[in-house]
Amino acid sequence: MGLWEQLCYESHHAPPKNDAGGTEVSTGVASFLKDTIPAPKAFSKRFFNIRHWTDMPCGGHFAALEEPELLVEAIRTFFRSSCK
């Protein structure tokens, strides 16, 4: 069983409590189409304070090398929306 599968299984069978280790820090996610382990949005929202989520049309595990313009724009958008 992979890490994400285990985490999803555990979160489904034992819902997180307030002290489950989540964070209130504003979080931005850039989910690239061909990443090796796609970020599960519903699961991520349970533990992170997701302020910005971008599903990228291309790119993979090495997104900064493969699609630097897309990544930079996603980061800029996150900070513009989070720092108001």
PDB file of N, CA and C in Angstrom:
ATOM      1  N   MET A   1       0.857  -1.172   0.000  1.00  0.00           N
ATOM      2  CA  MET A   1       0.000   0.000   0.000  1.00  0.00           C
ATOM      3  C   MET A   1       0.900   1.231   0.000  1.00  0.00           C
ATOM      4  N   GLY A   2       0.604   2.185  -0.869  1.00  0.00           N
ATOM      5  CA  GLY A   2       1.383   3.410  -0.945  1.00  0.00           C
ATOM      6  C   GLY A   2       1.022   4.378   0.170  1.00  0.00           C
ATOM      7  N   LEU A   3       1.842   5.392   0.329  1.00  0.00           N
ATOM      8  CA  LEU A   3       1.644   6.372   1.400  1.00  0.00           C
ATOM      9  C   LEU A   3       0.289   7.061   1.298  1.00  0.00           C
ATOM     10  N   TRP A   4      -0.062   7.563   0.090  1.00  0.00           N
ATOM     11  CA  TRP A   4      -1.337   8.267  -0.053  1.00  0.00           C
ATOM     12  C   TRP A   4      -2.517   7.344   0.212  1.00  0.00           C
ATOM     13  N   GLU A   5      -2.415   6.115  -0.274  1.00  0.00           N
ATOM     14  CA  GLU A   5      -3.506   5.178  -0.046  1.00  0.00           C
ATOM     15  C   GLU A   5      -3.685   4.912   1.445  1.00  0.00           C
ATOM     16  N   GLN A   6      -2.563   4.758   2.152  1.00  0.00           N
ATOM     17  CA  GLN A   6      -2.632   4.516   3.588  1.00  0.00           C
ATOM     18  C   GLN A   6      -3.233   5.718   4.308  1.00  0.00           C
ATOM     19  N   LEU A   7      -2.782   6.923   3.958  1.00  0.00           N
ATOM     20  CA  LEU A   7      -3.316   8.124   4.602  1.00  0.00           C
ATOM     21  C   LEU A   7      -4.808   8.289   4.328  1.00  0.00           C
ATOM     22  N   CYS A   8      -5.211   8.036   3.085  1.00  0.00           N
ATOM     23  CA  CYS A   8      -6.636   8.139   2.752  1.00  0.00           C
ATOM     24  C   CYS A   8      -7.450   7.098   3.514  1.00  0.00           C
ATOM     25  N   TYR A   9      -6.942   5.880   3.580  1.00  0.00           N
ATOM     26  CA  TYR A   9      -7.634   4.817   4.311  1.00  0.00           C
ATOM     27  C   TYR A   9      -7.785   5.200   5.782  1.00  0.00           C
ATOM     28  N   GLU A  10      -6.683   5.648   6.390  1.00  0.00           N
ATOM     29  CA  GLU A  10      -6.723   5.995   7.809  1.00  0.00           C
ATOM     30  C   GLU A  10      -7.640   7.182   8.071  1.00  0.00           C
ATOM     31  N   SER A  11      -7.619   8.171   7.183  1.00  0.00           N
ATOM     32  CA  SER A  11      -8.476   9.339   7.409  1.00  0.00           C
ATOM     33  C   SER A  11      -9.948   8.979   7.247  1.00  0.00           C
ATOM     34  N   HIS A  12     -10.234   8.010   6.383  1.00  0.00           N
ATOM     35  CA  HIS A  12     -11.621   7.584   6.194  1.00  0.00           C
ATOM     36  C   HIS A  12     -12.125   6.788   7.400  1.00  0.00           C
ATOM     37  N   HIS A  13     -11.265   5.984   7.971  1.00  0.00           N
ATOM     38  CA  HIS A  13     -11.665   5.128   9.078  1.00  0.00           C
ATOM     39  C   HIS A  13     -11.486   5.769  10.451  1.00  0.00           C
ATOM     40  N   ALA A  14     -10.724   6.818  10.523  1.00  0.00           N
ATOM     41  CA  ALA A  14     -10.545   7.543  11.782  1.00  0.00           C
ATOM     42  C   ALA A  14     -10.483   9.029  11.451  1.00  0.00           C
ATOM     43  N   PRO A  15     -11.638   9.679  11.307  1.00  0.00           N
ATOM     44  CA  PRO A  15     -11.652  11.094  10.926  1.00  0.00           C
ATOM     45  C   PRO A  15     -10.776  11.932  11.856  1.00  0.00           C
ATOM     46  N   PRO A  16     -10.093  12.913  11.296  1.00  0.00           N
ATOM     47  CA  PRO A  16      -9.183  13.716  12.113  1.00  0.00           C
ATOM     48  C   PRO A  16      -9.923  14.529  13.164  1.00  0.00           C
ATOM     49  N   LYS A  17      -9.274  14.715  14.281  1.00  0.00           N
ATOM     50  CA  LYS A  17      -9.797  15.565  15.339  1.00  0.00           C
ATOM     51  C   LYS A  17      -9.119  16.917  15.212  1.00  0.00           C
ATOM     52  N   ASN A  18      -9.484  17.858  16.044  1.00  0.00           N
ATOM     53  CA  ASN A  18      -8.884  19.184  15.988  1.00  0.00           C
ATOM     54  C   ASN A  18      -7.378  19.160  16.191  1.00  0.00           C
ATOM     55  N   ASP A  19      -6.886  18.174  16.917  1.00  0.00           N
ATOM     56  CA  ASP A  19      -5.455  18.094  17.193  1.00  0.00           C
ATOM     57  C   ASP A  19      -4.758  17.083  16.280  1.00  0.00           C
ATOM     58  N   ALA A  20      -5.298  16.850  15.099  1.00  0.00           N
ATOM     59  CA  ALA A  20      -4.775  15.813  14.205  1.00  0.00           C
ATOM     60  C   ALA A  20      -3.500  16.217  13.480  1.00  0.00           C
ATOM     61  N   GLY A  21      -2.975  17.390  13.760  1.00  0.00           N
ATOM     62  CA  GLY A  21      -1.735  17.779  13.120  1.00  0.00           C
ATOM     63  C   GLY A  21      -1.924  18.619  11.877  1.00  0.00           C
ATOM     64  N   GLY A  22      -3.121  19.097  11.639  1.00  0.00           N
ATOM     65  CA  GLY A  22      -3.350  19.980  10.505  1.00  0.00           C
ATOM     66  C   GLY A  22      -2.708  21.334  10.761  1.00  0.00           C
ATOM     67  N   THR A  23      -2.827  22.223   9.803  1.00  0.00           N
ATOM     68  CA  THR A  23      -2.224  23.542   9.956  1.00  0.00           C
ATOM     69  C   THR A  23      -3.213  24.627   9.566  1.00  0.00           C
ATOM     70  N   GLU A  24      -3.088  25.765  10.189  1.00  0.00           N
ATOM     71  CA  GLU A  24      -3.900  26.928   9.847  1.00  0.00           C
ATOM     72  C   GLU A  24      -3.148  27.859   8.904  1.00  0.00           C
ATOM     73  N   VAL A  25      -1.919  27.519   8.576  1.00  0.00           N
ATOM     74  CA  VAL A  25      -1.114  28.340   7.674  1.00  0.00           C
ATOM     75  C   VAL A  25      -1.737  28.310   6.286  1.00  0.00           C
ATOM     76  N   SER A  26      -1.864  29.467   5.659  1.00  0.00           N
ATOM     77  CA  SER A  26      -2.405  29.527   4.298  1.00  0.00           C
ATOM     78  C   SER A  26      -1.549  28.668   3.375  1.00  0.00           C
ATOM     79  N   THR A  27      -2.222  27.853   2.581  1.00  0.00           N
ATOM     80  CA  THR A  27      -1.524  26.895   1.730  1.00  0.00           C
ATOM     81  C   THR A  27      -2.005  27.014   0.295  1.00  0.00           C
ATOM     82  N   GLY A  28      -1.066  26.944  -0.637  1.00  0.00           N
ATOM     83  CA  GLY A  28      -1.388  26.932  -2.055  1.00  0.00           C
ATOM     84  C   GLY A  28      -0.898  25.632  -2.667  1.00  0.00           C
ATOM     85  N   VAL A  29      -1.674  25.083  -3.588  1.00  0.00           N
ATOM     86  CA  VAL A  29      -1.312  23.821  -4.233  1.00  0.00           C
ATOM     87  C   VAL A  29      -1.345  24.006  -5.746  1.00  0.00           C
ATOM     88  N   ALA A  30      -0.296  23.540  -6.391  1.00  0.00           N
ATOM     89  CA  ALA A  30      -0.260  23.462  -7.848  1.00  0.00           C
ATOM     90  C   ALA A  30      -0.177  21.975  -8.175  1.00  0.00           C
ATOM     91  N   SER A  31      -1.279  21.415  -8.621  1.00  0.00           N
ATOM     92  CA  SER A  31      -1.353  19.987  -8.910  1.00  0.00           C
ATOM     93  C   SER A  31      -1.100  19.772 -10.399  1.00  0.00           C
ATOM     94  N   PHE A  32       0.069  19.217 -10.712  1.00  0.00           N
ATOM     95  CA  PHE A  32       0.454  19.035 -12.107  1.00  0.00           C
ATOM     96  C   PHE A  32      -0.081  17.718 -12.652  1.00  0.00           C
ATOM     97  N   LEU A  33      -0.540  17.767 -13.887  1.00  0.00           N
ATOM     98  CA  LEU A  33      -1.247  16.666 -14.533  1.00  0.00           C
ATOM     99  C   LEU A  33      -0.508  15.334 -14.462  1.00  0.00           C
ATOM    100  N   LYS A  34       0.789  15.346 -14.701  1.00  0.00           N
ATOM    101  CA  LYS A  34       1.542  14.090 -14.768  1.00  0.00           C
ATOM    102  C   LYS A  34       2.462  13.896 -13.571  1.00  0.00           C
ATOM    103  N   ASP A  35       2.087  14.449 -12.422  1.00  0.00           N
ATOM    104  CA  ASP A  35       2.896  14.252 -11.224  1.00  0.00           C
ATOM    105  C   ASP A  35       2.858  12.780 -10.828  1.00  0.00           C
ATOM    106  N   THR A  36       3.905  12.314 -10.156  1.00  0.00           N
ATOM    107  CA  THR A  36       3.980  10.897  -9.803  1.00  0.00           C
ATOM    108  C   THR A  36       2.915  10.506  -8.790  1.00  0.00           C
ATOM    109  N   ILE A  37       2.606  11.405  -7.861  1.00  0.00           N
ATOM    110  CA  ILE A  37       1.548  11.160  -6.877  1.00  0.00           C
ATOM    111  C   ILE A  37       0.641  12.382  -6.871  1.00  0.00           C
ATOM    112  N   PRO A  38      -0.494  12.313  -7.550  1.00  0.00           N
ATOM    113  CA  PRO A  38      -1.381  13.475  -7.582  1.00  0.00           C
ATOM    114  C   PRO A  38      -1.894  13.831  -6.187  1.00  0.00           C
ATOM    115  N   ALA A  39      -2.022  15.110  -5.944  1.00  0.00           N
ATOM    116  CA  ALA A  39      -2.512  15.568  -4.647  1.00  0.00           C
ATOM    117  C   ALA A  39      -4.029  15.381  -4.577  1.00  0.00           C
ATOM    118  N   PRO A  40      -4.525  14.593  -3.629  1.00  0.00           N
ATOM    119  CA  PRO A  40      -5.977  14.421  -3.495  1.00  0.00           C
ATOM    120  C   PRO A  40      -6.594  15.650  -2.822  1.00  0.00           C
ATOM    121  N   LYS A  41      -7.396  16.385  -3.561  1.00  0.00           N
ATOM    122  CA  LYS A  41      -7.925  17.667  -3.096  1.00  0.00           C
ATOM    123  C   LYS A  41      -8.779  17.547  -1.831  1.00  0.00           C
ATOM    124  N   ALA A  42      -9.717  16.636  -1.824  1.00  0.00           N
ATOM    125  CA  ALA A  42     -10.606  16.502  -0.661  1.00  0.00           C
ATOM    126  C   ALA A  42      -9.815  16.135   0.593  1.00  0.00           C
ATOM    127  N   PHE A  43      -8.854  15.256   0.451  1.00  0.00           N
ATOM    128  CA  PHE A  43      -8.026  14.852   1.584  1.00  0.00           C
ATOM    129  C   PHE A  43      -7.177  16.021   2.071  1.00  0.00           C
ATOM    130  N   SER A  44      -6.577  16.749   1.136  1.00  0.00           N
ATOM    131  CA  SER A  44      -5.708  17.875   1.490  1.00  0.00           C
ATOM    132  C   SER A  44      -6.466  18.946   2.257  1.00  0.00           C
ATOM    133  N   LYS A  45      -7.709  19.194   1.862  1.00  0.00           N
ATOM    134  CA  LYS A  45      -8.507  20.232   2.522  1.00  0.00           C
ATOM    135  C   LYS A  45      -8.811  19.897   3.980  1.00  0.00           C
ATOM    136  N   ARG A  46      -8.728  18.625   4.337  1.00  0.00           N
ATOM    137  CA  ARG A  46      -9.006  18.234   5.723  1.00  0.00           C
ATOM    138  C   ARG A  46      -7.865  18.600   6.662  1.00  0.00           C
ATOM    139  N   PHE A  47      -6.652  18.721   6.129  1.00  0.00           N
ATOM    140  CA  PHE A  47      -5.488  18.946   6.971  1.00  0.00           C
ATOM    141  C   PHE A  47      -4.790  20.278   6.735  1.00  0.00           C
ATOM    142  N   PHE A  48      -5.095  20.923   5.622  1.00  0.00           N
ATOM    143  CA  PHE A  48      -4.415  22.166   5.285  1.00  0.00           C
ATOM    144  C   PHE A  48      -5.425  23.272   5.049  1.00  0.00           C
ATOM    145  N   ASN A  49      -5.005  24.489   5.299  1.00  0.00           N
ATOM    146  CA  ASN A  49      -5.831  25.665   5.076  1.00  0.00           C
ATOM    147  C   ASN A  49      -5.639  26.093   3.615  1.00  0.00           C
ATOM    148  N   ILE A  50      -6.270  25.367   2.702  1.00  0.00           N
ATOM    149  CA  ILE A  50      -6.087  25.600   1.269  1.00  0.00           C
ATOM    150  C   ILE A  50      -6.722  26.934   0.889  1.00  0.00           C
ATOM    151  N   ARG A  51      -5.891  27.861   0.425  1.00  0.00           N
ATOM    152  CA  ARG A  51      -6.356  29.174  -0.014  1.00  0.00           C
ATOM    153  C   ARG A  51      -6.366  29.300  -1.527  1.00  0.00           C
ATOM    154  N   HIS A  52      -5.563  28.461  -2.169  1.00  0.00           N
ATOM    155  CA  HIS A  52      -5.499  28.517  -3.629  1.00  0.00           C
ATOM    156  C   HIS A  52      -5.119  27.135  -4.151  1.00  0.00           C
ATOM    157  N   TRP A  53      -5.876  26.649  -5.126  1.00  0.00           N
ATOM    158  CA  TRP A  53      -5.610  25.341  -5.726  1.00  0.00           C
ATOM    159  C   TRP A  53      -5.628  25.510  -7.236  1.00  0.00           C
ATOM    160  N   THR A  54      -4.579  25.045  -7.897  1.00  0.00           N
ATOM    161  CA  THR A  54      -4.514  25.119  -9.352  1.00  0.00           C
ATOM    162  C   THR A  54      -4.272  23.731  -9.919  1.00  0.00           C
ATOM    163  N   ASP A  55      -5.190  23.260 -10.761  1.00  0.00           N
ATOM    164  CA  ASP A  55      -4.981  22.021 -11.505  1.00  0.00           C
ATOM    165  C   ASP A  55      -4.309  22.397 -12.812  1.00  0.00           C
ATOM    166  N   MET A  56      -3.057  22.006 -12.947  1.00  0.00           N
ATOM    167  CA  MET A  56      -2.266  22.377 -14.115  1.00  0.00           C
ATOM    168  C   MET A  56      -2.583  21.474 -15.308  1.00  0.00           C
ATOM    169  N   PRO A  57      -2.577  22.033 -16.519  1.00  0.00           N
ATOM    170  CA  PRO A  57      -2.911  21.254 -17.711  1.00  0.00           C
ATOM    171  C   PRO A  57      -1.783  20.334 -18.181  1.00  0.00           C
ATOM    172  N   CYS A  58      -0.572  20.558 -17.693  1.00  0.00           N
ATOM    173  CA  CYS A  58       0.569  19.745 -18.114  1.00  0.00           C
ATOM    174  C   CYS A  58       1.652  19.833 -17.043  1.00  0.00           C
ATOM    175  N   GLY A  59       2.749  19.144 -17.272  1.00  0.00           N
ATOM    176  CA  GLY A  59       3.842  19.143 -16.303  1.00  0.00           C
ATOM    177  C   GLY A  59       3.746  17.941 -15.395  1.00  0.00           C
ATOM    178  N   GLY A  60       4.833  17.695 -14.682  1.00  0.00           N
ATOM    179  CA  GLY A  60       4.870  16.519 -13.831  1.00  0.00           C
ATOM    180  C   GLY A  60       5.656  16.755 -12.563  1.00  0.00           C
ATOM    181  N   HIS A  61       6.364  15.737 -12.123  1.00  0.00           N
ATOM    182  CA  HIS A  61       7.073  15.761 -10.852  1.00  0.00           C
ATOM    183  C   HIS A  61       8.129  16.870 -10.790  1.00  0.00           C
ATOM    184  N   PHE A  62       8.758  17.167 -11.904  1.00  0.00           N
ATOM    185  CA  PHE A  62       9.779  18.216 -11.947  1.00  0.00           C
ATOM    186  C   PHE A  62       9.196  19.473 -12.583  1.00  0.00           C
ATOM    187  N   ALA A  63       8.103  19.935 -12.033  1.00  0.00           N
ATOM    188  CA  ALA A  63       7.343  21.043 -12.614  1.00  0.00           C
ATOM    189  C   ALA A  63       8.167  22.314 -12.780  1.00  0.00           C
ATOM    190  N   ALA A  64       9.036  22.608 -11.838  1.00  0.00           N
ATOM    191  CA  ALA A  64       9.838  23.829 -11.928  1.00  0.00           C
ATOM    192  C   ALA A  64      10.749  23.805 -13.153  1.00  0.00           C
ATOM    193  N   LEU A  65      11.157  22.634 -13.577  1.00  0.00           N
ATOM    194  CA  LEU A  65      11.983  22.506 -14.782  1.00  0.00           C
ATOM    195  C   LEU A  65      11.131  22.364 -16.038  1.00  0.00           C
ATOM    196  N   GLU A  66      10.010  21.654 -15.909  1.00  0.00           N
ATOM    197  CA  GLU A  66       9.172  21.349 -17.069  1.00  0.00           C
ATOM    198  C   GLU A  66       8.275  22.512 -17.483  1.00  0.00           C
ATOM    199  N   GLU A  67       7.657  23.154 -16.514  1.00  0.00           N
ATOM    200  CA  GLU A  67       6.693  24.226 -16.779  1.00  0.00           C
ATOM    201  C   GLU A  67       6.914  25.396 -15.818  1.00  0.00           C
ATOM    202  N   PRO A  68       8.085  26.032 -15.892  1.00  0.00           N
ATOM    203  CA  PRO A  68       8.391  27.085 -14.918  1.00  0.00           C
ATOM    204  C   PRO A  68       7.422  28.269 -14.960  1.00  0.00           C
ATOM    205  N   GLU A  69       6.949  28.635 -16.149  1.00  0.00           N
ATOM    206  CA  GLU A  69       6.038  29.781 -16.248  1.00  0.00           C
ATOM    207  C   GLU A  69       4.713  29.499 -15.540  1.00  0.00           C
ATOM    208  N   LEU A  70       4.191  28.286 -15.720  1.00  0.00           N
ATOM    209  CA  LEU A  70       2.939  27.923 -15.050  1.00  0.00           C
ATOM    210  C   LEU A  70       3.106  27.927 -13.534  1.00  0.00           C
ATOM    211  N   LEU A  71       4.216  27.375 -13.069  1.00  0.00           N
ATOM    212  CA  LEU A  71       4.458  27.317 -11.628  1.00  0.00           C
ATOM    213  C   LEU A  71       4.600  28.715 -11.038  1.00  0.00           C
ATOM    214  N   VAL A  72       5.369  29.568 -11.690  1.00  0.00           N
ATOM    215  CA  VAL A  72       5.564  30.934 -11.194  1.00  0.00           C
ATOM    216  C   VAL A  72       4.232  31.679 -11.141  1.00  0.00           C
ATOM    217  N   GLU A  73       3.415  31.530 -12.166  1.00  0.00           N
ATOM    218  CA  GLU A  73       2.120  32.214 -12.173  1.00  0.00           C
ATOM    219  C   GLU A  73       1.215  31.705 -11.047  1.00  0.00           C
ATOM    220  N   ALA A  74       1.244  30.403 -10.782  1.00  0.00           N
ATOM    221  CA  ALA A  74       0.441  29.849  -9.686  1.00  0.00           C
ATOM    222  C   ALA A  74       0.920  30.393  -8.338  1.00  0.00           C
ATOM    223  N   ILE A  75       2.222  30.489  -8.156  1.00  0.00           N
ATOM    224  CA  ILE A  75       2.772  31.026  -6.901  1.00  0.00           C
ATOM    225  C   ILE A  75       2.398  32.492  -6.746  1.00  0.00           C
ATOM    226  N   ARG A  76       2.530  33.256  -7.814  1.00  0.00           N
ATOM    227  CA  ARG A  76       2.162  34.679  -7.758  1.00  0.00           C
ATOM    228  C   ARG A  76       0.683  34.854  -7.434  1.00  0.00           C
ATOM    229  N   THR A  77      -0.158  34.063  -8.068  1.00  0.00           N
ATOM    230  CA  THR A  77      -1.600  34.152  -7.821  1.00  0.00           C
ATOM    231  C   THR A  77      -1.916  33.823  -6.367  1.00  0.00           C
ATOM    232  N   PHE A  78      -1.263  32.798  -5.837  1.00  0.00           N
ATOM    233  CA  PHE A  78      -1.471  32.429  -4.430  1.00  0.00           C
ATOM    234  C   PHE A  78      -1.117  33.588  -3.506  1.00  0.00           C
ATOM    235  N   PHE A  79       0.050  34.188  -3.706  1.00  0.00           N
ATOM    236  CA  PHE A  79       0.459  35.274  -2.820  1.00  0.00           C
ATOM    237  C   PHE A  79      -0.388  36.522  -3.005  1.00  0.00           C
ATOM    238  N   ARG A  80      -0.807  36.797  -4.217  1.00  0.00           N
ATOM    239  CA  ARG A  80      -1.693  37.954  -4.441  1.00  0.00           C
ATOM    240  C   ARG A  80      -3.017  37.778  -3.699  1.00  0.00           C
ATOM    241  N   SER A  81      -3.555  36.571  -3.742  1.00  0.00           N
ATOM    242  CA  SER A  81      -4.852  36.340  -3.098  1.00  0.00           C
ATOM    243  C   SER A  81      -4.726  36.174  -1.587  1.00  0.00           C
ATOM    244  N   SER A  82      -3.585  35.704  -1.108  1.00  0.00           N
ATOM    245  CA  SER A  82      -3.414  35.438   0.323  1.00  0.00           C
ATOM    246  C   SER A  82      -2.929  36.635   1.116  1.00  0.00           C
ATOM    247  N   CYS A  83      -2.311  37.578   0.456  1.00  0.00           N
ATOM    248  CA  CYS A  83      -1.686  38.704   1.166  1.00  0.00           C
ATOM    249  C   CYS A  83      -2.532  39.963   1.146  1.00  0.00           C
ATOM    250  N   LYS A  84      -3.805  39.834   0.901  1.00  0.00           N
ATOM    251  CA  LYS A  84      -4.679  41.017   0.879  1.00  0.00           C
ATOM    252  C   LYS A  84      -5.209  41.310   2.243  1.00  0.00           C
TER     253      LYS A  84
END
